[in-house]
């Protein structure tokens, strides 16, 4: 796992991506405040970064824990 800190915009992207049931990187980039001109490409680039992947994984695990799904397995 990486120790790199997320910028506020990267953090917003991760939260928006996890909350979007369709896992739409472009929509998450727009919600995080990235430009509409390059949101599709920026969303793709963000998903390639190890620290972004790690945060998305952490947020997904947290969401599962909160929902009780993990405890019921």
N, C-alpha and C. Protein backbone atom coordinates (compact mmCIF):
# COMPACT_ATOMS: atom_id res chain seq x y z
N UNK A 1 0.84 -1.17 0.00
CA UNK A 1 0.00 0.00 0.00
C UNK A 1 0.88 1.24 0.00
N UNK A 2 0.36 2.32 -0.54
CA UNK A 2 1.15 3.53 -0.65
C UNK A 2 0.83 4.51 0.49
N UNK A 3 1.81 5.32 0.85
CA UNK A 3 1.63 6.30 1.92
C UNK A 3 1.33 7.68 1.36
N UNK A 4 1.21 7.81 0.05
CA UNK A 4 0.97 9.11 -0.56
C UNK A 4 -0.37 9.66 -0.12
N UNK A 5 -0.37 10.93 0.26
CA UNK A 5 -1.61 11.59 0.68
C UNK A 5 -2.45 11.96 -0.52
N UNK A 6 -3.75 11.86 -0.34
CA UNK A 6 -4.67 12.27 -1.39
C UNK A 6 -4.91 13.77 -1.30
N UNK A 7 -5.03 14.40 -2.45
CA UNK A 7 -5.44 15.80 -2.46
C UNK A 7 -6.94 15.82 -2.15
N UNK A 8 -7.47 16.96 -1.75
CA UNK A 8 -8.92 17.03 -1.50
C UNK A 8 -9.74 16.62 -2.73
N UNK A 9 -9.27 16.98 -3.91
CA UNK A 9 -9.99 16.63 -5.14
C UNK A 9 -9.90 15.12 -5.41
N UNK A 10 -8.75 14.52 -5.16
CA UNK A 10 -8.61 13.08 -5.33
C UNK A 10 -9.50 12.34 -4.34
N UNK A 11 -9.55 12.83 -3.12
CA UNK A 11 -10.40 12.22 -2.10
C UNK A 11 -11.87 12.31 -2.50
N UNK A 12 -12.28 13.46 -3.02
CA UNK A 12 -13.65 13.64 -3.49
C UNK A 12 -13.96 12.69 -4.65
N UNK A 13 -12.98 12.50 -5.54
CA UNK A 13 -13.15 11.56 -6.65
C UNK A 13 -13.39 10.14 -6.12
N UNK A 14 -12.58 9.71 -5.18
CA UNK A 14 -12.71 8.36 -4.62
C UNK A 14 -14.08 8.15 -3.99
N UNK A 15 -14.52 9.11 -3.19
CA UNK A 15 -15.84 9.00 -2.55
C UNK A 15 -16.95 8.96 -3.59
N UNK A 16 -16.86 9.83 -4.60
CA UNK A 16 -17.89 9.86 -5.64
C UNK A 16 -17.89 8.55 -6.43
N UNK A 17 -16.72 8.01 -6.70
CA UNK A 17 -16.61 6.77 -7.47
C UNK A 17 -17.23 5.60 -6.71
N UNK A 18 -16.95 5.51 -5.42
CA UNK A 18 -17.49 4.41 -4.62
C UNK A 18 -19.00 4.54 -4.45
N UNK A 19 -19.49 5.76 -4.33
CA UNK A 19 -20.92 5.97 -4.13
C UNK A 19 -21.73 5.76 -5.41
N UNK A 20 -21.08 5.84 -6.56
CA UNK A 20 -21.76 5.67 -7.85
C UNK A 20 -21.91 4.18 -8.13
N UNK A 21 -23.14 3.69 -8.13
CA UNK A 21 -23.36 2.26 -8.31
C UNK A 21 -22.88 1.76 -9.67
N UNK A 22 -22.80 2.63 -10.65
CA UNK A 22 -22.33 2.24 -11.97
C UNK A 22 -20.82 2.32 -12.13
N UNK A 23 -20.13 2.80 -11.07
CA UNK A 23 -18.67 2.96 -11.09
C UNK A 23 -18.23 3.72 -12.34
N UNK A 24 -18.80 4.92 -12.51
CA UNK A 24 -18.53 5.77 -13.66
C UNK A 24 -17.43 6.77 -13.29
N UNK A 25 -16.23 6.54 -13.81
CA UNK A 25 -15.08 7.39 -13.48
C UNK A 25 -15.28 8.81 -13.99
N UNK A 26 -15.90 8.96 -15.15
CA UNK A 26 -16.14 10.29 -15.69
C UNK A 26 -17.09 11.08 -14.79
N UNK A 27 -18.17 10.46 -14.38
CA UNK A 27 -19.13 11.12 -13.49
C UNK A 27 -18.48 11.47 -12.16
N UNK A 28 -17.67 10.57 -11.64
CA UNK A 28 -16.99 10.82 -10.37
C UNK A 28 -16.01 11.99 -10.51
N UNK A 29 -15.31 12.06 -11.63
CA UNK A 29 -14.38 13.17 -11.87
C UNK A 29 -15.14 14.50 -11.92
N UNK A 30 -16.28 14.51 -12.58
CA UNK A 30 -17.09 15.73 -12.64
C UNK A 30 -17.58 16.14 -11.26
N UNK A 31 -18.05 15.16 -10.48
CA UNK A 31 -18.53 15.46 -9.12
C UNK A 31 -17.40 15.97 -8.23
N UNK A 32 -16.18 15.54 -8.51
CA UNK A 32 -15.03 15.96 -7.72
C UNK A 32 -14.49 17.33 -8.16
N UNK A 33 -15.06 17.86 -9.22
CA UNK A 33 -14.68 19.20 -9.65
C UNK A 33 -13.68 19.27 -10.78
N UNK A 34 -13.39 18.14 -11.41
CA UNK A 34 -12.50 18.17 -12.57
C UNK A 34 -13.24 18.76 -13.76
N UNK A 35 -12.52 19.31 -14.70
CA UNK A 35 -13.09 19.96 -15.87
C UNK A 35 -13.91 18.98 -16.71
N UNK A 36 -15.03 19.46 -17.22
CA UNK A 36 -15.86 18.61 -18.08
C UNK A 36 -15.16 18.31 -19.40
N UNK A 37 -14.21 19.14 -19.79
CA UNK A 37 -13.49 18.92 -21.05
C UNK A 37 -12.63 17.66 -21.04
N UNK A 38 -12.12 17.29 -19.89
CA UNK A 38 -11.24 16.12 -19.84
C UNK A 38 -11.60 15.13 -18.76
N UNK A 39 -12.85 15.17 -18.30
CA UNK A 39 -13.26 14.33 -17.17
C UNK A 39 -13.11 12.83 -17.46
N UNK A 40 -13.42 12.43 -18.68
CA UNK A 40 -13.32 11.00 -19.01
C UNK A 40 -11.87 10.53 -18.91
N UNK A 41 -10.96 11.29 -19.49
CA UNK A 41 -9.55 10.93 -19.45
C UNK A 41 -8.99 11.05 -18.03
N UNK A 42 -9.39 12.10 -17.32
CA UNK A 42 -8.90 12.28 -15.95
C UNK A 42 -9.38 11.15 -15.05
N UNK A 43 -10.63 10.75 -15.20
CA UNK A 43 -11.16 9.64 -14.42
C UNK A 43 -10.36 8.36 -14.66
N UNK A 44 -10.05 8.11 -15.93
CA UNK A 44 -9.26 6.93 -16.27
C UNK A 44 -7.87 7.02 -15.63
N UNK A 45 -7.23 8.18 -15.75
CA UNK A 45 -5.88 8.36 -15.19
C UNK A 45 -5.88 8.18 -13.67
N UNK A 46 -6.89 8.73 -13.03
CA UNK A 46 -6.96 8.60 -11.57
C UNK A 46 -7.07 7.14 -11.15
N UNK A 47 -7.85 6.36 -11.88
CA UNK A 47 -8.02 4.95 -11.53
C UNK A 47 -6.75 4.12 -11.73
N UNK A 48 -5.78 4.66 -12.43
CA UNK A 48 -4.51 3.95 -12.65
C UNK A 48 -3.52 4.18 -11.52
N UNK A 49 -3.75 5.18 -10.70
CA UNK A 49 -2.80 5.55 -9.64
C UNK A 49 -2.96 4.65 -8.41
N UNK A 50 -1.85 4.08 -7.93
CA UNK A 50 -1.92 3.15 -6.80
C UNK A 50 -2.56 3.74 -5.54
N UNK A 51 -2.29 4.99 -5.23
CA UNK A 51 -2.86 5.57 -4.01
C UNK A 51 -4.37 5.80 -4.16
N UNK A 52 -4.83 6.01 -5.37
CA UNK A 52 -6.28 6.14 -5.62
C UNK A 52 -6.93 4.77 -5.49
N UNK A 53 -6.32 3.76 -6.10
CA UNK A 53 -6.84 2.39 -6.00
C UNK A 53 -6.94 1.95 -4.54
N UNK A 54 -5.91 2.27 -3.76
CA UNK A 54 -5.89 1.88 -2.35
C UNK A 54 -7.02 2.57 -1.58
N UNK A 55 -7.25 3.82 -1.85
CA UNK A 55 -8.32 4.55 -1.15
C UNK A 55 -9.70 4.02 -1.55
N UNK A 56 -9.89 3.70 -2.82
CA UNK A 56 -11.17 3.14 -3.27
C UNK A 56 -11.41 1.80 -2.58
N UNK A 57 -10.38 0.97 -2.49
CA UNK A 57 -10.50 -0.32 -1.81
C UNK A 57 -10.85 -0.12 -0.34
N UNK A 58 -10.20 0.85 0.31
CA UNK A 58 -10.48 1.14 1.71
C UNK A 58 -11.92 1.61 1.90
N UNK A 59 -12.38 2.49 1.03
CA UNK A 59 -13.75 3.00 1.13
C UNK A 59 -14.78 1.90 0.88
N UNK A 60 -14.49 1.02 -0.06
CA UNK A 60 -15.41 -0.10 -0.33
C UNK A 60 -15.50 -1.03 0.88
N UNK A 61 -14.37 -1.32 1.49
CA UNK A 61 -14.35 -2.18 2.68
C UNK A 61 -15.12 -1.53 3.82
N UNK A 62 -14.93 -0.23 3.98
CA UNK A 62 -15.65 0.51 5.03
C UNK A 62 -17.16 0.48 4.78
N UNK A 63 -17.56 0.64 3.54
CA UNK A 63 -18.98 0.60 3.20
C UNK A 63 -19.58 -0.78 3.49
N UNK A 64 -18.83 -1.82 3.18
CA UNK A 64 -19.30 -3.18 3.47
C UNK A 64 -19.43 -3.41 4.97
N UNK A 65 -18.44 -2.93 5.71
CA UNK A 65 -18.47 -3.07 7.16
C UNK A 65 -19.69 -2.35 7.74
N UNK A 66 -19.93 -1.14 7.27
CA UNK A 66 -21.06 -0.36 7.77
C UNK A 66 -22.40 -0.99 7.42
N UNK A 67 -22.47 -1.65 6.28
CA UNK A 67 -23.73 -2.26 5.86
C UNK A 67 -24.01 -3.57 6.61
N UNK A 68 -22.99 -4.11 7.26
CA UNK A 68 -23.16 -5.36 7.99
C UNK A 68 -22.96 -6.60 7.13
N UNK A 69 -22.67 -6.41 5.85
CA UNK A 69 -22.48 -7.55 4.95
C UNK A 69 -21.30 -8.39 5.40
N UNK A 70 -20.22 -7.76 5.78
CA UNK A 70 -19.01 -8.49 6.19
C UNK A 70 -19.29 -9.30 7.45
N UNK A 71 -20.03 -8.75 8.38
CA UNK A 71 -20.30 -9.44 9.64
C UNK A 71 -21.23 -10.64 9.45
N UNK A 72 -22.03 -10.64 8.41
CA UNK A 72 -22.97 -11.73 8.21
C UNK A 72 -22.40 -12.89 7.43
N UNK A 73 -21.17 -12.74 6.91
CA UNK A 73 -20.56 -13.83 6.11
C UNK A 73 -19.99 -14.91 6.98
